[in-house]
Amino acid sequence: MLKKLLIVVGVVGVAALIAKKVMDANDERALWHEATTSPDLR
């Protein structure tokens, strides 16, 4: 029982780390897009 619980906790932890990396990458890409596009001066 304890072994299964540890495995589940490990999988959830890894999934959380991957989700954080993906969100950070999306934020970084959005910042680069904003910084490198010309402003709309209409």
PDB file of N, CA and C in Angstrom:
ATOM      1  N   MET A   1       0.829  -1.203   0.000  1.00  0.00           N
ATOM      2  CA  MET A   1       0.000   0.000   0.000  1.00  0.00           C
ATOM      3  C   MET A   1       0.867   1.257   0.000  1.00  0.00           C
ATOM      4  N   LEU A   2       1.867   1.283   0.877  1.00  0.00           N
ATOM      5  CA  LEU A   2       2.732   2.461   0.976  1.00  0.00           C
ATOM      6  C   LEU A   2       3.542   2.650  -0.304  1.00  0.00           C
ATOM      7  N   LYS A   3       3.964   1.545  -0.905  1.00  0.00           N
ATOM      8  CA  LYS A   3       4.743   1.619  -2.140  1.00  0.00           C
ATOM      9  C   LYS A   3       3.909   2.249  -3.263  1.00  0.00           C
ATOM     10  N   LYS A   4       2.632   1.853  -3.362  1.00  0.00           N
ATOM     11  CA  LYS A   4       1.747   2.410  -4.385  1.00  0.00           C
ATOM     12  C   LYS A   4       1.517   3.898  -4.148  1.00  0.00           C
ATOM     13  N   LEU A   5       1.361   4.266  -2.883  1.00  0.00           N
ATOM     14  CA  LEU A   5       1.164   5.679  -2.548  1.00  0.00           C
ATOM     15  C   LEU A   5       2.384   6.507  -2.934  1.00  0.00           C
ATOM     16  N   LEU A   6       3.566   5.993  -2.668  1.00  0.00           N
ATOM     17  CA  LEU A   6       4.795   6.713  -3.031  1.00  0.00           C
ATOM     18  C   LEU A   6       4.923   6.852  -4.541  1.00  0.00           C
ATOM     19  N   ILE A   7       4.539   5.827  -5.266  1.00  0.00           N
ATOM     20  CA  ILE A   7       4.597   5.894  -6.733  1.00  0.00           C
ATOM     21  C   ILE A   7       3.637   6.955  -7.247  1.00  0.00           C
ATOM     22  N   VAL A   8       2.428   6.976  -6.697  1.00  0.00           N
ATOM     23  CA  VAL A   8       1.433   7.966  -7.122  1.00  0.00           C
ATOM     24  C   VAL A   8       1.930   9.377  -6.796  1.00  0.00           C
ATOM     25  N   VAL A   9       2.478   9.567  -5.605  1.00  0.00           N
ATOM     26  CA  VAL A   9       3.008  10.881  -5.224  1.00  0.00           C
ATOM     27  C   VAL A   9       4.145  11.280  -6.155  1.00  0.00           C
ATOM     28  N   GLY A  10       5.004  10.344  -6.506  1.00  0.00           N
ATOM     29  CA  GLY A  10       6.104  10.628  -7.429  1.00  0.00           C
ATOM     30  C   GLY A  10       5.603  11.034  -8.807  1.00  0.00           C
ATOM     31  N   VAL A  11       4.619  10.319  -9.310  1.00  0.00           N
ATOM     32  CA  VAL A  11       4.070  10.639 -10.631  1.00  0.00           C
ATOM     33  C   VAL A  11       3.413  12.015 -10.616  1.00  0.00           C
ATOM     34  N   VAL A  12       2.674  12.318  -9.562  1.00  0.00           N
ATOM     35  CA  VAL A  12       2.027  13.630  -9.456  1.00  0.00           C
ATOM     36  C   VAL A  12       3.082  14.727  -9.361  1.00  0.00           C
ATOM     37  N   GLY A  13       4.151  14.479  -8.630  1.00  0.00           N
ATOM     38  CA  GLY A  13       5.235  15.464  -8.519  1.00  0.00           C
ATOM     39  C   GLY A  13       5.894  15.733  -9.855  1.00  0.00           C
ATOM     40  N   VAL A  14       6.181  14.688 -10.594  1.00  0.00           N
ATOM     41  CA  VAL A  14       6.801  14.847 -11.913  1.00  0.00           C
ATOM     42  C   VAL A  14       5.856  15.587 -12.849  1.00  0.00           C
ATOM     43  N   ALA A  15       4.576  15.267 -12.805  1.00  0.00           N
ATOM     44  CA  ALA A  15       3.594  15.949 -13.658  1.00  0.00           C
ATOM     45  C   ALA A  15       3.529  17.437 -13.308  1.00  0.00           C
ATOM     46  N   ALA A  16       3.614  17.770 -12.022  1.00  0.00           N
ATOM     47  CA  ALA A  16       3.587  19.175 -11.619  1.00  0.00           C
ATOM     48  C   ALA A  16       4.822  19.904 -12.130  1.00  0.00           C
ATOM     49  N   LEU A  17       5.987  19.263 -12.057  1.00  0.00           N
ATOM     50  CA  LEU A  17       7.209  19.896 -12.564  1.00  0.00           C
ATOM     51  C   LEU A  17       7.134  20.126 -14.071  1.00  0.00           C
ATOM     52  N   ILE A  18       6.619  19.151 -14.796  1.00  0.00           N
ATOM     53  CA  ILE A  18       6.494  19.297 -16.251  1.00  0.00           C
ATOM     54  C   ILE A  18       5.511  20.413 -16.585  1.00  0.00           C
ATOM     55  N   ALA A  19       4.401  20.474 -15.874  1.00  0.00           N
ATOM     56  CA  ALA A  19       3.409  21.526 -16.121  1.00  0.00           C
ATOM     57  C   ALA A  19       4.009  22.898 -15.845  1.00  0.00           C
ATOM     58  N   LYS A  20       4.807  23.015 -14.791  1.00  0.00           N
ATOM     59  CA  LYS A  20       5.450  24.298 -14.470  1.00  0.00           C
ATOM     60  C   LYS A  20       6.433  24.694 -15.561  1.00  0.00           C
ATOM     61  N   LYS A  21       7.212  23.735 -16.058  1.00  0.00           N
ATOM     62  CA  LYS A  21       8.162  24.038 -17.136  1.00  0.00           C
ATOM     63  C   LYS A  21       7.436  24.502 -18.395  1.00  0.00           C
ATOM     64  N   VAL A  22       6.330  23.859 -18.727  1.00  0.00           N
ATOM     65  CA  VAL A  22       5.566  24.234 -19.918  1.00  0.00           C
ATOM     66  C   VAL A  22       5.000  25.640 -19.753  1.00  0.00           C
ATOM     67  N   MET A  23       4.447  25.946 -18.580  1.00  0.00           N
ATOM     68  CA  MET A  23       3.889  27.282 -18.351  1.00  0.00           C
ATOM     69  C   MET A  23       4.985  28.340 -18.391  1.00  0.00           C
ATOM     70  N   ASP A  24       6.148  28.044 -17.810  1.00  0.00           N
ATOM     71  CA  ASP A  24       7.260  28.988 -17.854  1.00  0.00           C
ATOM     72  C   ASP A  24       7.731  29.221 -19.287  1.00  0.00           C
ATOM     73  N   ALA A  25       7.778  28.161 -20.089  1.00  0.00           N
ATOM     74  CA  ALA A  25       8.187  28.293 -21.484  1.00  0.00           C
ATOM     75  C   ALA A  25       7.185  29.141 -22.260  1.00  0.00           C
ATOM     76  N   ASN A  26       5.894  28.951 -21.999  1.00  0.00           N
ATOM     77  CA  ASN A  26       4.873  29.752 -22.674  1.00  0.00           C
ATOM     78  C   ASN A  26       4.988  31.222 -22.279  1.00  0.00           C
ATOM     79  N   ASP A  27       5.224  31.483 -20.997  1.00  0.00           N
ATOM     80  CA  ASP A  27       5.394  32.868 -20.537  1.00  0.00           C
ATOM     81  C   ASP A  27       6.618  33.505 -21.190  1.00  0.00           C
ATOM     82  N   GLU A  28       7.709  32.751 -21.266  1.00  0.00           N
ATOM     83  CA  GLU A  28       8.935  33.263 -21.881  1.00  0.00           C
ATOM     84  C   GLU A  28       8.704  33.577 -23.358  1.00  0.00           C
ATOM     85  N   ARG A  29       8.006  32.681 -24.050  1.00  0.00           N
ATOM     86  CA  ARG A  29       7.729  32.902 -25.473  1.00  0.00           C
ATOM     87  C   ARG A  29       6.848  34.129 -25.662  1.00  0.00           C
ATOM     88  N   ALA A  30       5.880  34.322 -24.788  1.00  0.00           N
ATOM     89  CA  ALA A  30       5.015  35.499 -24.884  1.00  0.00           C
ATOM     90  C   ALA A  30       5.811  36.786 -24.651  1.00  0.00           C
ATOM     91  N   LEU A  31       6.724  36.750 -23.695  1.00  0.00           N
ATOM     92  CA  LEU A  31       7.558  37.931 -23.454  1.00  0.00           C
ATOM     93  C   LEU A  31       8.433  38.255 -24.664  1.00  0.00           C
ATOM     94  N   TRP A  32       9.055  37.221 -25.254  1.00  0.00           N
ATOM     95  CA  TRP A  32       9.883  37.454 -26.434  1.00  0.00           C
ATOM     96  C   TRP A  32       9.037  37.991 -27.587  1.00  0.00           C
ATOM     97  N   HIS A  33       7.839  37.471 -27.741  1.00  0.00           N
ATOM     98  CA  HIS A  33       6.971  37.945 -28.811  1.00  0.00           C
ATOM     99  C   HIS A  33       6.636  39.422 -28.606  1.00  0.00           C
ATOM    100  N   GLU A  34       6.321  39.780 -27.376  1.00  0.00           N
ATOM    101  CA  GLU A  34       5.988  41.172 -27.075  1.00  0.00           C
ATOM    102  C   GLU A  34       7.192  42.086 -27.278  1.00  0.00           C
ATOM    103  N   ALA A  35       8.374  41.605 -26.903  1.00  0.00           N
ATOM    104  CA  ALA A  35       9.579  42.428 -26.986  1.00  0.00           C
ATOM    105  C   ALA A  35      10.083  42.591 -28.416  1.00  0.00           C
ATOM    106  N   THR A  36       9.763  41.645 -29.289  1.00  0.00           N
ATOM    107  CA  THR A  36      10.349  41.683 -30.638  1.00  0.00           C
ATOM    108  C   THR A  36       9.360  42.119 -31.705  1.00  0.00           C
ATOM    109  N   THR A  37       8.119  42.364 -31.364  1.00  0.00           N
ATOM    110  CA  THR A  37       7.170  42.848 -32.369  1.00  0.00           C
ATOM    111  C   THR A  37       7.099  44.363 -32.300  1.00  0.00           C
ATOM    112  N   SER A  38       6.851  44.954 -33.438  1.00  0.00           N
ATOM    113  CA  SER A  38       6.779  46.404 -33.469  1.00  0.00           C
ATOM    114  C   SER A  38       5.476  46.864 -32.818  1.00  0.00           C
ATOM    115  N   PRO A  39       5.505  47.981 -32.146  1.00  0.00           N
ATOM    116  CA  PRO A  39       4.289  48.461 -31.480  1.00  0.00           C
ATOM    117  C   PRO A  39       3.233  48.921 -32.489  1.00  0.00           C
ATOM    118  N   ASP A  40       2.011  48.770 -32.141  1.00  0.00           N
ATOM    119  CA  ASP A  40       0.896  49.193 -32.974  1.00  0.00           C
ATOM    120  C   ASP A  40       0.571  50.648 -32.601  1.00  0.00           C
ATOM    121  N   LEU A  41       0.981  51.573 -33.444  1.00  0.00           N
ATOM    122  CA  LEU A  41       0.873  53.008 -33.124  1.00  0.00           C
ATOM    123  C   LEU A  41      -0.329  53.665 -33.793  1.00  0.00           C
ATOM    124  N   ARG A  42      -1.432  52.963 -33.890  1.00  0.00           N
ATOM    125  CA  ARG A  42      -2.613  53.538 -34.517  1.00  0.00           C
ATOM    126  C   ARG A  42      -3.354  54.446 -33.566  1.00  0.00           C
TER     127      ARG A  42
END
